[in-house]
Amino acid sequence: MENVKIKTTVTLLMIMLASLVIVSCTCSYCEKLKYVDTQTTIEAEVQKKAQELSNKSNFQEQDIIAALHALLSGNPRIFGAAYATAPYDENMELIETYYVFREGNKAETKLDTAYNFMTSANSNWYKKPYLNKKAMWSIPYYDVDGSGEKYYLTTYSCPIIENGEVKFIFTADYLLNIKE
């Protein structure tokens, strides 16, 4: 009985994920199918917060963190949200990256400085949108938190383009597995 329940849950999650990816995909195949102009709630939320932040003149650290927290508080299926600046030096290193994520019933904030996402194996959430200069969903992946709990996620990444260059990338990690 337990195996049937697990298989049913996995099948339903796969169907949900397939519809999420098909409706919001930005690949050339989906462009041909005209799926490009459709939008999920997650995409709309991320794009709105990223644009609001971008429209602020001389935004500060507290503005970034507030926007990331707003994404988490606005949708319980968003596990984490990130802000990453575009690479600026010859080593393609980032000046700063902020990540706000759920830790139990509260949100934690993490700041990394000068991490090289362009060469990191686990950074397609950053590389693909940066190089293609368009918003994208990542391939679903597992993430294990500090307590050892495993989460199944996909990341929506939205680059903000200014004068033809990526200014920053704003993301939301969408939780695909649901705790019962």
C-alpha atoms as a PDB file:
ATOM      1  CA  MET A   1       0.000   0.000   0.000  1.00  0.00           C
ATOM      2  CA  GLU A   2       2.843   2.384   0.904  1.00  0.00           C
ATOM      3  CA  ASN A   3       4.555   1.715  -2.482  1.00  0.00           C
ATOM      4  CA  VAL A   4       1.350   2.511  -4.371  1.00  0.00           C
ATOM      5  CA  LYS A   5       1.032   5.795  -2.476  1.00  0.00           C
ATOM      6  CA  ILE A   6       4.659   6.706  -3.215  1.00  0.00           C
ATOM      7  CA  LYS A   7       4.327   5.810  -6.915  1.00  0.00           C
ATOM      8  CA  THR A   8       1.117   7.828  -7.179  1.00  0.00           C
ATOM      9  CA  THR A   9       2.732  10.827  -5.483  1.00  0.00           C
ATOM     10  CA  VAL A  10       5.794  10.612  -7.739  1.00  0.00           C
ATOM     11  CA  THR A  11       3.612  10.334 -10.837  1.00  0.00           C
ATOM     12  CA  LEU A  12       1.521  13.344  -9.815  1.00  0.00           C
ATOM     13  CA  LEU A  13       4.662  15.372  -9.113  1.00  0.00           C
ATOM     14  CA  MET A  14       6.082  14.435 -12.507  1.00  0.00           C
ATOM     15  CA  ILE A  15       2.868  15.526 -14.201  1.00  0.00           C
ATOM     16  CA  MET A  16       2.893  18.812 -12.252  1.00  0.00           C
ATOM     17  CA  LEU A  17       6.530  19.380 -13.144  1.00  0.00           C
ATOM     18  CA  ALA A  18       5.954  18.560 -16.803  1.00  0.00           C
ATOM     19  CA  SER A  19       3.124  21.067 -17.014  1.00  0.00           C
ATOM     20  CA  LEU A  20       5.212  23.667 -15.150  1.00  0.00           C
ATOM     21  CA  VAL A  21       8.181  23.249 -17.471  1.00  0.00           C
ATOM     22  CA  ILE A  22       6.150  23.028 -20.686  1.00  0.00           C
ATOM     23  CA  VAL A  23       4.117  26.122 -19.877  1.00  0.00           C
ATOM     24  CA  SER A  24       7.140  28.194 -18.922  1.00  0.00           C
ATOM     25  CA  CYS A  25      10.014  26.823 -20.975  1.00  0.00           C
ATOM     26  CA  THR A  26      12.103  29.232 -23.049  1.00  0.00           C
ATOM     27  CA  CYS A  27      13.847  26.682 -25.285  1.00  0.00           C
ATOM     28  CA  SER A  28      13.693  26.929 -29.089  1.00  0.00           C
ATOM     29  CA  TYR A  29      11.301  23.961 -29.295  1.00  0.00           C
ATOM     30  CA  CYS A  30       8.784  25.661 -27.003  1.00  0.00           C
ATOM     31  CA  GLU A  31       9.277  28.938 -28.831  1.00  0.00           C
ATOM     32  CA  LYS A  32       8.026  27.121 -31.952  1.00  0.00           C
ATOM     33  CA  LEU A  33       5.017  25.893 -29.967  1.00  0.00           C
ATOM     34  CA  LYS A  34       4.331  29.458 -28.775  1.00  0.00           C
ATOM     35  CA  TYR A  35       4.630  28.544 -25.062  1.00  0.00           C
ATOM     36  CA  VAL A  36       7.055  31.388 -24.555  1.00  0.00           C
ATOM     37  CA  ASP A  37       4.440  34.040 -23.770  1.00  0.00           C
ATOM     38  CA  THR A  38       2.707  32.032 -21.067  1.00  0.00           C
ATOM     39  CA  GLN A  39       3.701  32.583 -17.490  1.00  0.00           C
ATOM     40  CA  THR A  40       3.469  30.805 -14.159  1.00  0.00           C
ATOM     41  CA  THR A  41       2.787  32.591 -10.892  1.00  0.00           C
ATOM     42  CA  ILE A  42       6.389  31.967  -9.805  1.00  0.00           C
ATOM     43  CA  GLU A  43       7.738  33.591 -12.961  1.00  0.00           C
ATOM     44  CA  ALA A  44       5.479  36.591 -12.510  1.00  0.00           C
ATOM     45  CA  GLU A  45       6.473  37.007  -8.853  1.00  0.00           C
ATOM     46  CA  VAL A  46      10.209  36.760  -9.563  1.00  0.00           C
ATOM     47  CA  GLN A  47      10.035  39.125 -12.531  1.00  0.00           C
ATOM     48  CA  LYS A  48       7.987  41.656 -10.574  1.00  0.00           C
ATOM     49  CA  LYS A  49      10.366  41.688  -7.573  1.00  0.00           C
ATOM     50  CA  ALA A  50      13.444  41.816  -9.823  1.00  0.00           C
ATOM     51  CA  GLN A  51      12.007  44.720 -11.813  1.00  0.00           C
ATOM     52  CA  GLU A  52      10.993  46.599  -8.655  1.00  0.00           C
ATOM     53  CA  LEU A  53      14.538  46.221  -7.342  1.00  0.00           C
ATOM     54  CA  SER A  54      16.058  47.246 -10.662  1.00  0.00           C
ATOM     55  CA  ASN A  55      13.861  50.365 -10.819  1.00  0.00           C
ATOM     56  CA  LYS A  56      15.211  51.635  -7.494  1.00  0.00           C
ATOM     57  CA  SER A  57      18.002  54.100  -7.932  1.00  0.00           C
ATOM     58  CA  ASN A  58      21.081  53.015  -6.007  1.00  0.00           C
ATOM     59  CA  PHE A  59      19.455  50.112  -4.163  1.00  0.00           C
ATOM     60  CA  GLN A  60      21.235  48.818  -1.072  1.00  0.00           C
ATOM     61  CA  GLU A  61      21.760  45.475   0.665  1.00  0.00           C
ATOM     62  CA  GLN A  62      18.597  45.889   2.760  1.00  0.00           C
ATOM     63  CA  ASP A  63      16.562  46.400  -0.445  1.00  0.00           C
ATOM     64  CA  ILE A  64      17.909  43.141  -1.904  1.00  0.00           C
ATOM     65  CA  ILE A  65      17.238  41.164   1.278  1.00  0.00           C
ATOM     66  CA  ALA A  66      13.729  42.660   1.616  1.00  0.00           C
ATOM     67  CA  ALA A  67      12.875  41.663  -1.967  1.00  0.00           C
ATOM     68  CA  LEU A  68      14.142  38.108  -1.387  1.00  0.00           C
ATOM     69  CA  HIS A  69      12.189  37.791   1.878  1.00  0.00           C
ATOM     70  CA  ALA A  70       9.062  39.102   0.128  1.00  0.00           C
ATOM     71  CA  LEU A  71       9.305  36.281  -2.430  1.00  0.00           C
ATOM     72  CA  LEU A  72       9.475  33.664   0.326  1.00  0.00           C
ATOM     73  CA  SER A  73       6.675  35.151   2.395  1.00  0.00           C
ATOM     74  CA  GLY A  74       4.468  35.507  -0.688  1.00  0.00           C
ATOM     75  CA  ASN A  75       4.540  31.837  -1.674  1.00  0.00           C
ATOM     76  CA  PRO A  76       5.065  28.811   0.619  1.00  0.00           C
ATOM     77  CA  ARG A  77       6.283  26.714  -2.348  1.00  0.00           C
ATOM     78  CA  ILE A  78       9.308  28.979  -2.807  1.00  0.00           C
ATOM     79  CA  PHE A  79      12.056  27.318  -0.788  1.00  0.00           C
ATOM     80  CA  GLY A  80      14.739  29.925  -1.422  1.00  0.00           C
ATOM     81  CA  ALA A  81      15.477  33.052  -3.443  1.00  0.00           C
ATOM     82  CA  ALA A  82      18.761  34.529  -4.641  1.00  0.00           C
ATOM     83  CA  TYR A  83      20.247  37.724  -6.004  1.00  0.00           C
ATOM     84  CA  ALA A  84      23.551  37.394  -7.871  1.00  0.00           C
ATOM     85  CA  THR A  85      25.407  40.214  -9.557  1.00  0.00           C
ATOM     86  CA  ALA A  86      26.910  39.771 -12.988  1.00  0.00           C
ATOM     87  CA  PRO A  87      30.585  38.786 -13.205  1.00  0.00           C
ATOM     88  CA  TYR A  88      32.817  41.806 -13.484  1.00  0.00           C
ATOM     89  CA  ASP A  89      36.446  40.723 -13.548  1.00  0.00           C
ATOM     90  CA  GLU A  90      38.608  38.582 -15.840  1.00  0.00           C
ATOM     91  CA  ASN A  91      38.034  35.560 -13.572  1.00  0.00           C
ATOM     92  CA  MET A  92      34.255  35.839 -14.044  1.00  0.00           C
ATOM     93  CA  GLU A  93      33.827  36.097 -10.273  1.00  0.00           C
ATOM     94  CA  LEU A  94      30.753  37.586  -8.700  1.00  0.00           C
ATOM     95  CA  ILE A  95      31.012  40.574  -6.456  1.00  0.00           C
ATOM     96  CA  GLU A  96      28.102  39.408  -4.284  1.00  0.00           C
ATOM     97  CA  THR A  97      25.373  36.835  -3.930  1.00  0.00           C
ATOM     98  CA  TYR A  98      22.524  36.915  -1.428  1.00  0.00           C
ATOM     99  CA  TYR A  99      20.432  33.831  -0.687  1.00  0.00           C
ATOM    100  CA  VAL A 100      17.373  33.725   1.543  1.00  0.00           C
ATOM    101  CA  PHE A 101      16.023  30.251   2.321  1.00  0.00           C
ATOM    102  CA  ARG A 102      13.603  28.465   4.592  1.00  0.00           C
ATOM    103  CA  GLU A 103      15.071  26.899   7.712  1.00  0.00           C
ATOM    104  CA  GLY A 104      12.177  25.340   9.582  1.00  0.00           C
ATOM    105  CA  ASN A 105       9.600  28.061  10.240  1.00  0.00           C
ATOM    106  CA  LYS A 106      11.933  30.989   9.634  1.00  0.00           C
ATOM    107  CA  ALA A 107      13.953  32.455   6.792  1.00  0.00           C
ATOM    108  CA  GLU A 108      17.750  32.573   6.912  1.00  0.00           C
ATOM    109  CA  THR A 109      19.987  34.889   4.889  1.00  0.00           C
ATOM    110  CA  LYS A 110      23.355  33.920   3.458  1.00  0.00           C
ATOM    111  CA  LEU A 111      25.841  36.266   1.770  1.00  0.00           C
ATOM    112  CA  ASP A 112      28.669  35.022  -0.454  1.00  0.00           C
ATOM    113  CA  THR A 113      31.244  37.349  -1.939  1.00  0.00           C
ATOM    114  CA  ALA A 114      33.140  36.704  -5.150  1.00  0.00           C
ATOM    115  CA  TYR A 115      32.031  33.120  -5.798  1.00  0.00           C
ATOM    116  CA  ASN A 116      32.756  31.847  -9.298  1.00  0.00           C
ATOM    117  CA  PHE A 117      29.408  30.572 -10.580  1.00  0.00           C
ATOM    118  CA  MET A 118      30.586  30.449 -14.170  1.00  0.00           C
ATOM    119  CA  THR A 119      32.916  27.508 -13.462  1.00  0.00           C
ATOM    120  CA  SER A 120      30.976  25.800 -10.671  1.00  0.00           C
ATOM    121  CA  ALA A 121      29.378  22.483 -11.632  1.00  0.00           C
ATOM    122  CA  ASN A 122      26.133  23.289  -9.778  1.00  0.00           C
ATOM    123  CA  SER A 123      25.382  26.705 -11.165  1.00  0.00           C
ATOM    124  CA  ASN A 124      23.208  26.255 -14.250  1.00  0.00           C
ATOM    125  CA  TRP A 125      20.665  28.425 -12.438  1.00  0.00           C
ATOM    126  CA  TYR A 126      23.171  31.232 -13.054  1.00  0.00           C
ATOM    127  CA  LYS A 127      25.172  30.286 -16.157  1.00  0.00           C
ATOM    128  CA  LYS A 128      22.366  29.556 -18.604  1.00  0.00           C
ATOM    129  CA  PRO A 129      20.287  32.697 -17.957  1.00  0.00           C
ATOM    130  CA  TYR A 130      23.451  34.810 -17.887  1.00  0.00           C
ATOM    131  CA  LEU A 131      24.831  33.483 -21.169  1.00  0.00           C
ATOM    132  CA  ASN A 132      21.436  33.404 -22.955  1.00  0.00           C
ATOM    133  CA  LYS A 133      20.275  36.696 -21.437  1.00  0.00           C
ATOM    134  CA  LYS A 134      16.800  35.358 -20.788  1.00  0.00           C
ATOM    135  CA  ALA A 135      14.797  33.885 -17.938  1.00  0.00           C
ATOM    136  CA  MET A 136      14.889  30.103 -17.593  1.00  0.00           C
ATOM    137  CA  TRP A 137      13.914  27.162 -15.404  1.00  0.00           C
ATOM    138  CA  SER A 138      16.611  24.759 -14.234  1.00  0.00           C
ATOM    139  CA  ILE A 139      16.435  21.015 -14.571  1.00  0.00           C
ATOM    140  CA  PRO A 140      14.957  19.655 -11.298  1.00  0.00           C
ATOM    141  CA  TYR A 141      17.540  18.685  -8.692  1.00  0.00           C
ATOM    142  CA  TYR A 142      17.876  17.474  -5.117  1.00  0.00           C
ATOM    143  CA  ASP A 143      19.251  19.698  -2.389  1.00  0.00           C
ATOM    144  CA  VAL A 144      20.118  18.517   1.109  1.00  0.00           C
ATOM    145  CA  ASP A 145      19.910  21.002   3.964  1.00  0.00           C
ATOM    146  CA  GLY A 146      22.009  21.109   7.139  1.00  0.00           C
ATOM    147  CA  SER A 147      19.702  18.657   8.915  1.00  0.00           C
ATOM    148  CA  GLY A 148      20.099  16.131   6.102  1.00  0.00           C
ATOM    149  CA  GLU A 149      16.581  16.644   4.790  1.00  0.00           C
ATOM    150  CA  LYS A 150      16.335  16.233   1.023  1.00  0.00           C
ATOM    151  CA  TYR A 151      14.336  18.653  -1.126  1.00  0.00           C
ATOM    152  CA  TYR A 152      13.415  18.284  -4.791  1.00  0.00           C
ATOM    153  CA  LEU A 153      13.614  21.714  -6.435  1.00  0.00           C
ATOM    154  CA  THR A 154      13.723  23.587  -9.695  1.00  0.00           C
ATOM    155  CA  THR A 155      15.014  27.144  -9.971  1.00  0.00           C
ATOM    156  CA  TYR A 156      13.544  29.952 -12.006  1.00  0.00           C
ATOM    157  CA  SER A 157      16.233  32.522 -12.842  1.00  0.00           C
ATOM    158  CA  CYS A 158      15.473  35.954 -14.238  1.00  0.00           C
ATOM    159  CA  PRO A 159      18.351  38.112 -15.487  1.00  0.00           C
ATOM    160  CA  ILE A 160      17.877  41.874 -15.426  1.00  0.00           C
ATOM    161  CA  ILE A 161      19.403  43.330 -18.578  1.00  0.00           C
ATOM    162  CA  GLU A 162      20.654  46.904 -18.747  1.00  0.00           C
ATOM    163  CA  ASN A 163      22.292  48.332 -21.890  1.00  0.00           C
ATOM    164  CA  GLY A 164      22.513  44.818 -23.359  1.00  0.00           C
ATOM    165  CA  GLU A 165      24.403  43.424 -20.335  1.00  0.00           C
ATOM    166  CA  VAL A 166      23.219  41.326 -17.406  1.00  0.00           C
ATOM    167  CA  LYS A 167      23.074  43.575 -14.344  1.00  0.00           C
ATOM    168  CA  PHE A 168      21.979  40.846 -11.902  1.00  0.00           C
ATOM    169  CA  ILE A 169      20.064  37.581 -11.734  1.00  0.00           C
ATOM    170  CA  PHE A 170      17.093  37.104  -9.419  1.00  0.00           C
ATOM    171  CA  THR A 171      15.866  33.586  -8.645  1.00  0.00           C
ATOM    172  CA  ALA A 172      13.291  31.482  -6.837  1.00  0.00           C
ATOM    173  CA  ASP A 173      13.826  27.837  -5.871  1.00  0.00           C
ATOM    174  CA  TYR A 174      10.465  26.147  -6.366  1.00  0.00           C
ATOM    175  CA  LEU A 175       9.738  23.218  -4.065  1.00  0.00           C
ATOM    176  CA  LEU A 176       8.547  20.182  -6.052  1.00  0.00           C
ATOM    177  CA  ASN A 177       8.210  17.713  -3.191  1.00  0.00           C
ATOM    178  CA  ILE A 178       5.571  18.384  -0.586  1.00  0.00           C
ATOM    179  CA  LYS A 179       5.852  17.278   3.042  1.00  0.00           C
ATOM    180  CA  GLU A 180       2.825  15.365   4.228  1.00  0.00           C
END
